[in-house]
Amino acid sequence: MNLSELLPKPSPYRKIFKDEGFPVKAVAQYLKYSYGYTSNLLCGTCAMTPEVDDKLAELVKKIREAKKNDRKS
């Protein structure tokens, strides 16, 4: 067994939020979770439930729609 397989794997949402310039603090407020727990979810330290995954997918969609609308204005 390769020991690197045991290391936590970051959520793809972590990169998306970083690329979009959306801070972890704002993600935590959206999820109504603490900053630390949200950070651990995005870093892969804590397991992400399907419900949280759905909420994050919804947030990404909202962020991208807002940016798209800002470009049109």
PDB file of N, CA and C in Angstrom:
ATOM      1  N   MET A   1       0.850  -1.181   0.000  1.00  0.00           N
ATOM      2  CA  MET A   1       0.000   0.000   0.000  1.00  0.00           C
ATOM      3  C   MET A   1       0.897   1.246   0.000  1.00  0.00           C
ATOM      4  N   ASN A   2       0.536   2.185  -0.825  1.00  0.00           N
ATOM      5  CA  ASN A   2       1.248   3.454  -0.899  1.00  0.00           C
ATOM      6  C   ASN A   2       0.689   4.392   0.175  1.00  0.00           C
ATOM      7  N   LEU A   3       1.550   4.927   1.016  1.00  0.00           N
ATOM      8  CA  LEU A   3       1.089   5.776   2.118  1.00  0.00           C
ATOM      9  C   LEU A   3       0.428   7.063   1.637  1.00  0.00           C
ATOM     10  N   SER A   4       0.778   7.528   0.459  1.00  0.00           N
ATOM     11  CA  SER A   4       0.157   8.758  -0.053  1.00  0.00           C
ATOM     12  C   SER A   4      -1.337   8.564  -0.313  1.00  0.00           C
ATOM     13  N   GLU A   5      -1.776   7.324  -0.466  1.00  0.00           N
ATOM     14  CA  GLU A   5      -3.197   7.046  -0.649  1.00  0.00           C
ATOM     15  C   GLU A   5      -4.005   7.383   0.601  1.00  0.00           C
ATOM     16  N   LEU A   6      -3.346   7.390   1.734  1.00  0.00           N
ATOM     17  CA  LEU A   6      -4.031   7.666   2.996  1.00  0.00           C
ATOM     18  C   LEU A   6      -4.183   9.158   3.284  1.00  0.00           C
ATOM     19  N   LEU A   7      -3.455   9.974   2.552  1.00  0.00           N
ATOM     20  CA  LEU A   7      -3.537  11.420   2.773  1.00  0.00           C
ATOM     21  C   LEU A   7      -4.879  11.958   2.285  1.00  0.00           C
ATOM     22  N   PRO A   8      -5.391  12.995   2.971  1.00  0.00           N
ATOM     23  CA  PRO A   8      -6.657  13.579   2.525  1.00  0.00           C
ATOM     24  C   PRO A   8      -6.515  14.214   1.138  1.00  0.00           C
ATOM     25  N   LYS A   9      -7.565  14.129   0.384  1.00  0.00           N
ATOM     26  CA  LYS A   9      -7.572  14.714  -0.957  1.00  0.00           C
ATOM     27  C   LYS A   9      -8.508  15.920  -0.956  1.00  0.00           C
ATOM     28  N   PRO A  10      -7.997  17.075  -1.376  1.00  0.00           N
ATOM     29  CA  PRO A  10      -8.832  18.281  -1.369  1.00  0.00           C
ATOM     30  C   PRO A  10     -10.059  18.130  -2.264  1.00  0.00           C
ATOM     31  N   SER A  11     -11.128  18.774  -1.836  1.00  0.00           N
ATOM     32  CA  SER A  11     -12.346  18.806  -2.634  1.00  0.00           C
ATOM     33  C   SER A  11     -12.100  19.651  -3.875  1.00  0.00           C
ATOM     34  N   PRO A  12     -12.694  19.292  -5.004  1.00  0.00           N
ATOM     35  CA  PRO A  12     -12.548  20.136  -6.200  1.00  0.00           C
ATOM     36  C   PRO A  12     -13.143  21.532  -5.984  1.00  0.00           C
ATOM     37  N   TYR A  13     -14.069  21.649  -5.033  1.00  0.00           N
ATOM     38  CA  TYR A  13     -14.665  22.957  -4.751  1.00  0.00           C
ATOM     39  C   TYR A  13     -13.634  23.929  -4.199  1.00  0.00           C
ATOM     40  N   ARG A  14     -12.617  23.427  -3.519  1.00  0.00           N
ATOM     41  CA  ARG A  14     -11.585  24.292  -2.961  1.00  0.00           C
ATOM     42  C   ARG A  14     -10.931  25.113  -4.073  1.00  0.00           C
ATOM     43  N   LYS A  15     -10.552  24.468  -5.155  1.00  0.00           N
ATOM     44  CA  LYS A  15      -9.927  25.153  -6.283  1.00  0.00           C
ATOM     45  C   LYS A  15     -10.917  26.091  -6.973  1.00  0.00           C
ATOM     46  N   ILE A  16     -12.144  25.644  -7.113  1.00  0.00           N
ATOM     47  CA  ILE A  16     -13.158  26.476  -7.774  1.00  0.00           C
ATOM     48  C   ILE A  16     -13.353  27.778  -7.006  1.00  0.00           C
ATOM     49  N   PHE A  17     -13.534  27.685  -5.685  1.00  0.00           N
ATOM     50  CA  PHE A  17     -13.744  28.893  -4.885  1.00  0.00           C
ATOM     51  C   PHE A  17     -12.516  29.794  -4.921  1.00  0.00           C
ATOM     52  N   LYS A  18     -11.345  29.203  -4.897  1.00  0.00           N
ATOM     53  CA  LYS A  18     -10.116  29.992  -4.966  1.00  0.00           C
ATOM     54  C   LYS A  18     -10.025  30.720  -6.308  1.00  0.00           C
ATOM     55  N   ASP A  19     -10.292  29.998  -7.397  1.00  0.00           N
ATOM     56  CA  ASP A  19     -10.239  30.595  -8.734  1.00  0.00           C
ATOM     57  C   ASP A  19     -11.281  31.697  -8.911  1.00  0.00           C
ATOM     58  N   GLU A  20     -12.429  31.533  -8.262  1.00  0.00           N
ATOM     59  CA  GLU A  20     -13.500  32.528  -8.363  1.00  0.00           C
ATOM     60  C   GLU A  20     -13.294  33.694  -7.398  1.00  0.00           C
ATOM     61  N   GLY A  21     -12.296  33.576  -6.520  1.00  0.00           N
ATOM     62  CA  GLY A  21     -12.044  34.640  -5.549  1.00  0.00           C
ATOM     63  C   GLY A  21     -13.071  34.680  -4.436  1.00  0.00           C
ATOM     64  N   PHE A  22     -13.648  33.529  -4.129  1.00  0.00           N
ATOM     65  CA  PHE A  22     -14.682  33.434  -3.107  1.00  0.00           C
ATOM     66  C   PHE A  22     -14.059  32.856  -1.843  1.00  0.00           C
ATOM     67  N   PRO A  23     -13.958  33.623  -0.768  1.00  0.00           N
ATOM     68  CA  PRO A  23     -13.234  33.171   0.422  1.00  0.00           C
ATOM     69  C   PRO A  23     -13.956  32.073   1.210  1.00  0.00           C
ATOM     70  N   VAL A  24     -13.167  31.309   1.946  1.00  0.00           N
ATOM     71  CA  VAL A  24     -13.697  30.221   2.767  1.00  0.00           C
ATOM     72  C   VAL A  24     -14.699  30.762   3.782  1.00  0.00           C
ATOM     73  N   LYS A  25     -14.436  31.955   4.301  1.00  0.00           N
ATOM     74  CA  LYS A  25     -15.346  32.563   5.276  1.00  0.00           C
ATOM     75  C   LYS A  25     -16.757  32.705   4.687  1.00  0.00           C
ATOM     76  N   ALA A  26     -16.836  33.122   3.436  1.00  0.00           N
ATOM     77  CA  ALA A  26     -18.136  33.283   2.782  1.00  0.00           C
ATOM     78  C   ALA A  26     -18.803  31.929   2.551  1.00  0.00           C
ATOM     79  N   VAL A  27     -18.011  30.923   2.213  1.00  0.00           N
ATOM     80  CA  VAL A  27     -18.554  29.569   2.035  1.00  0.00           C
ATOM     81  C   VAL A  27     -19.119  29.072   3.365  1.00  0.00           C
ATOM     82  N   ALA A  28     -18.373  29.310   4.442  1.00  0.00           N
ATOM     83  CA  ALA A  28     -18.820  28.887   5.775  1.00  0.00           C
ATOM     84  C   ALA A  28     -20.131  29.570   6.151  1.00  0.00           C
ATOM     85  N   GLN A  29     -20.249  30.845   5.857  1.00  0.00           N
ATOM     86  CA  GLN A  29     -21.483  31.561   6.171  1.00  0.00           C
ATOM     87  C   GLN A  29     -22.649  31.004   5.354  1.00  0.00           C
ATOM     88  N   TYR A  30     -22.400  30.675   4.109  1.00  0.00           N
ATOM     89  CA  TYR A  30     -23.440  30.109   3.258  1.00  0.00           C
ATOM     90  C   TYR A  30     -23.915  28.755   3.797  1.00  0.00           C
ATOM     91  N   LEU A  31     -22.956  27.930   4.221  1.00  0.00           N
ATOM     92  CA  LEU A  31     -23.296  26.603   4.736  1.00  0.00           C
ATOM     93  C   LEU A  31     -23.817  26.638   6.172  1.00  0.00           C
ATOM     94  N   LYS A  32     -23.568  27.777   6.854  1.00  0.00           N
ATOM     95  CA  LYS A  32     -23.901  27.929   8.274  1.00  0.00           C
ATOM     96  C   LYS A  32     -23.080  26.950   9.128  1.00  0.00           C
ATOM     97  N   TYR A  33     -21.810  26.809   8.754  1.00  0.00           N
ATOM     98  CA  TYR A  33     -20.838  26.001   9.486  1.00  0.00           C
ATOM     99  C   TYR A  33     -19.713  26.923   9.948  1.00  0.00           C
ATOM    100  N   SER A  34     -18.934  26.429  10.886  1.00  0.00           N
ATOM    101  CA  SER A  34     -17.784  27.211  11.335  1.00  0.00           C
ATOM    102  C   SER A  34     -16.743  27.281  10.213  1.00  0.00           C
ATOM    103  N   TYR A  35     -15.885  28.290  10.329  1.00  0.00           N
ATOM    104  CA  TYR A  35     -14.811  28.466   9.360  1.00  0.00           C
ATOM    105  C   TYR A  35     -13.912  27.226   9.345  1.00  0.00           C
ATOM    106  N   GLY A  36     -13.538  26.756  10.549  1.00  0.00           N
ATOM    107  CA  GLY A  36     -12.631  25.617  10.652  1.00  0.00           C
ATOM    108  C   GLY A  36     -13.187  24.357  10.022  1.00  0.00           C
ATOM    109  N   TYR A  37     -14.456  24.074  10.295  1.00  0.00           N
ATOM    110  CA  TYR A  37     -15.078  22.872   9.740  1.00  0.00           C
ATOM    111  C   TYR A  37     -15.186  22.984   8.218  1.00  0.00           C
ATOM    112  N   THR A  38     -15.560  24.157   7.737  1.00  0.00           N
ATOM    113  CA  THR A  38     -15.673  24.367   6.295  1.00  0.00           C
ATOM    114  C   THR A  38     -14.316  24.210   5.623  1.00  0.00           C
ATOM    115  N   SER A  39     -13.298  24.764   6.246  1.00  0.00           N
ATOM    116  CA  SER A  39     -11.941  24.628   5.717  1.00  0.00           C
ATOM    117  C   SER A  39     -11.530  23.156   5.655  1.00  0.00           C
ATOM    118  N   ASN A  40     -11.853  22.406   6.698  1.00  0.00           N
ATOM    119  CA  ASN A  40     -11.536  20.970   6.716  1.00  0.00           C
ATOM    120  C   ASN A  40     -12.306  20.209   5.643  1.00  0.00           C
ATOM    121  N   LEU A  41     -13.540  20.592   5.372  1.00  0.00           N
ATOM    122  CA  LEU A  41     -14.312  19.962   4.298  1.00  0.00           C
ATOM    123  C   LEU A  41     -13.635  20.196   2.950  1.00  0.00           C
ATOM    124  N   LEU A  42     -13.242  21.442   2.710  1.00  0.00           N
ATOM    125  CA  LEU A  42     -12.648  21.786   1.425  1.00  0.00           C
ATOM    126  C   LEU A  42     -11.249  21.191   1.255  1.00  0.00           C
ATOM    127  N   CYS A  43     -10.531  21.013   2.355  1.00  0.00           N
ATOM    128  CA  CYS A  43      -9.184  20.434   2.304  1.00  0.00           C
ATOM    129  C   CYS A  43      -9.213  18.915   2.248  1.00  0.00           C
ATOM    130  N   GLY A  44     -10.341  18.329   2.529  1.00  0.00           N
ATOM    131  CA  GLY A  44     -10.474  16.884   2.483  1.00  0.00           C
ATOM    132  C   GLY A  44     -10.231  16.195   3.805  1.00  0.00           C
ATOM    133  N   THR A  45      -9.974  16.967   4.859  1.00  0.00           N
ATOM    134  CA  THR A  45      -9.740  16.379   6.171  1.00  0.00           C
ATOM    135  C   THR A  45     -11.010  15.754   6.731  1.00  0.00           C
ATOM    136  N   CYS A  46     -12.151  16.392   6.505  1.00  0.00           N
ATOM    137  CA  CYS A  46     -13.455  15.868   6.934  1.00  0.00           C
ATOM    138  C   CYS A  46     -14.202  15.358   5.703  1.00  0.00           C
ATOM    139  N   ALA A  47     -14.934  14.293   5.891  1.00  0.00           N
ATOM    140  CA  ALA A  47     -15.717  13.730   4.789  1.00  0.00           C
ATOM    141  C   ALA A  47     -16.893  14.646   4.462  1.00  0.00           C
ATOM    142  N   MET A  48     -17.161  14.787   3.182  1.00  0.00           N
ATOM    143  CA  MET A  48     -18.259  15.638   2.739  1.00  0.00           C
ATOM    144  C   MET A  48     -19.496  14.785   2.490  1.00  0.00           C
ATOM    145  N   THR A  49     -20.616  15.181   3.089  1.00  0.00           N
ATOM    146  CA  THR A  49     -21.868  14.460   2.887  1.00  0.00           C
ATOM    147  C   THR A  49     -22.472  14.864   1.541  1.00  0.00           C
ATOM    148  N   PRO A  50     -23.345  14.042   0.995  1.00  0.00           N
ATOM    149  CA  PRO A  50     -24.005  14.409  -0.260  1.00  0.00           C
ATOM    150  C   PRO A  50     -24.789  15.721  -0.151  1.00  0.00           C
ATOM    151  N   GLU A  51     -25.360  15.981   1.031  1.00  0.00           N
ATOM    152  CA  GLU A  51     -26.122  17.224   1.222  1.00  0.00           C
ATOM    153  C   GLU A  51     -25.210  18.442   1.107  1.00  0.00           C
ATOM    154  N   VAL A  52     -24.041  18.361   1.719  1.00  0.00           N
ATOM    155  CA  VAL A  52     -23.086  19.477   1.644  1.00  0.00           C
ATOM    156  C   VAL A  52     -22.576  19.618   0.221  1.00  0.00           C
ATOM    157  N   ASP A  53     -22.312  18.520  -0.434  1.00  0.00           N
ATOM    158  CA  ASP A  53     -21.866  18.550  -1.828  1.00  0.00           C
ATOM    159  C   ASP A  53     -22.902  19.260  -2.702  1.00  0.00           C
ATOM    160  N   ASP A  54     -24.171  18.955  -2.486  1.00  0.00           N
ATOM    161  CA  ASP A  54     -25.247  19.597  -3.250  1.00  0.00           C
ATOM    162  C   ASP A  54     -25.281  21.102  -2.984  1.00  0.00           C
ATOM    163  N   LYS A  55     -25.123  21.490  -1.720  1.00  0.00           N
ATOM    164  CA  LYS A  55     -25.136  22.913  -1.377  1.00  0.00           C
ATOM    165  C   LYS A  55     -23.966  23.643  -2.019  1.00  0.00           C
ATOM    166  N   LEU A  56     -22.801  23.012  -2.029  1.00  0.00           N
ATOM    167  CA  LEU A  56     -21.635  23.648  -2.637  1.00  0.00           C
ATOM    168  C   LEU A  56     -21.791  23.759  -4.151  1.00  0.00           C
ATOM    169  N   ALA A  57     -22.357  22.749  -4.773  1.00  0.00           N
ATOM    170  CA  ALA A  57     -22.613  22.810  -6.218  1.00  0.00           C
ATOM    171  C   ALA A  57     -23.577  23.950  -6.529  1.00  0.00           C
ATOM    172  N   GLU A  58     -24.575  24.119  -5.679  1.00  0.00           N
ATOM    173  CA  GLU A  58     -25.541  25.209  -5.848  1.00  0.00           C
ATOM    174  C   GLU A  58     -24.846  26.565  -5.677  1.00  0.00           C
ATOM    175  N   LEU A  59     -23.958  26.667  -4.704  1.00  0.00           N
ATOM    176  CA  LEU A  59     -23.228  27.914  -4.473  1.00  0.00           C
ATOM    177  C   LEU A  59     -22.333  28.253  -5.656  1.00  0.00           C
ATOM    178  N   VAL A  60     -21.645  27.276  -6.203  1.00  0.00           N
ATOM    179  CA  VAL A  60     -20.794  27.509  -7.378  1.00  0.00           C
ATOM    180  C   VAL A  60     -21.640  28.031  -8.528  1.00  0.00           C
ATOM    181  N   LYS A  61     -22.793  27.439  -8.717  1.00  0.00           N
ATOM    182  CA  LYS A  61     -23.693  27.868  -9.795  1.00  0.00           C
ATOM    183  C   LYS A  61     -24.118  29.327  -9.584  1.00  0.00           C
ATOM    184  N   LYS A  62     -24.461  29.681  -8.341  1.00  0.00           N
ATOM    185  CA  LYS A  62     -24.876  31.047  -8.038  1.00  0.00           C
ATOM    186  C   LYS A  62     -23.742  32.045  -8.260  1.00  0.00           C
ATOM    187  N   ILE A  63     -22.535  31.670  -7.846  1.00  0.00           N
ATOM    188  CA  ILE A  63     -21.374  32.553  -8.025  1.00  0.00           C
ATOM    189  C   ILE A  63     -21.113  32.792  -9.507  1.00  0.00           C
ATOM    190  N   ARG A  64     -21.139  31.732 -10.274  1.00  0.00           N
ATOM    191  CA  ARG A  64     -20.872  31.859 -11.716  1.00  0.00           C
ATOM    192  C   ARG A  64     -21.959  32.644 -12.430  1.00  0.00           C
ATOM    193  N   GLU A  65     -23.214  32.461 -12.022  1.00  0.00           N
ATOM    194  CA  GLU A  65     -24.306  33.241 -12.613  1.00  0.00           C
ATOM    195  C   GLU A  65     -24.157  34.722 -12.269  1.00  0.00           C
ATOM    196  N   ALA A  66     -23.778  35.013 -11.021  1.00  0.00           N
ATOM    197  CA  ALA A  66     -23.593  36.403 -10.606  1.00  0.00           C
ATOM    198  C   ALA A  66     -22.447  37.053 -11.383  1.00  0.00           C
ATOM    199  N   LYS A  67     -21.364  36.331 -11.577  1.00  0.00           N
ATOM    200  CA  LYS A  67     -20.225  36.870 -12.340  1.00  0.00           C
ATOM    201  C   LYS A  67     -20.618  37.085 -13.791  1.00  0.00           C
ATOM    202  N   LYS A  68     -21.403  36.155 -14.328  1.00  0.00           N
ATOM    203  CA  LYS A  68     -21.869  36.280 -15.717  1.00  0.00           C
ATOM    204  C   LYS A  68     -22.751  37.519 -15.871  1.00  0.00           C
ATOM    205  N   ASN A  69     -23.636  37.749 -14.899  1.00  0.00           N
ATOM    206  CA  ASN A  69     -24.512  38.914 -14.935  1.00  0.00           C
ATOM    207  C   ASN A  69     -23.733  40.205 -14.736  1.00  0.00           C
ATOM    208  N   ASP A  70     -22.666  40.168 -13.927  1.00  0.00           N
ATOM    209  CA  ASP A  70     -21.840  41.362 -13.725  1.00  0.00           C
ATOM    210  C   ASP A  70     -21.124  41.748 -15.008  1.00  0.00           C
ATOM    211  N   ARG A  71     -20.704  40.766 -15.778  1.00  0.00           N
ATOM    212  CA  ARG A  71     -20.018  41.053 -17.039  1.00  0.00           C
ATOM    213  C   ARG A  71     -20.961  41.688 -18.053  1.00  0.00           C
ATOM    214  N   LYS A  72     -22.244  41.315 -17.992  1.00  0.00           N
ATOM    215  CA  LYS A  72     -23.226  41.863 -18.931  1.00  0.00           C
ATOM    216  C   LYS A  72     -23.540  43.319 -18.595  1.00  0.00           C
ATOM    217  N   SER A  73     -23.438  43.680 -17.327  1.00  0.00           N
ATOM    218  CA  SER A  73     -23.805  45.039 -16.903  1.00  0.00           C
ATOM    219  C   SER A  73     -22.781  46.064 -17.284  1.00  0.00           C
TER     220      SER A  73
END
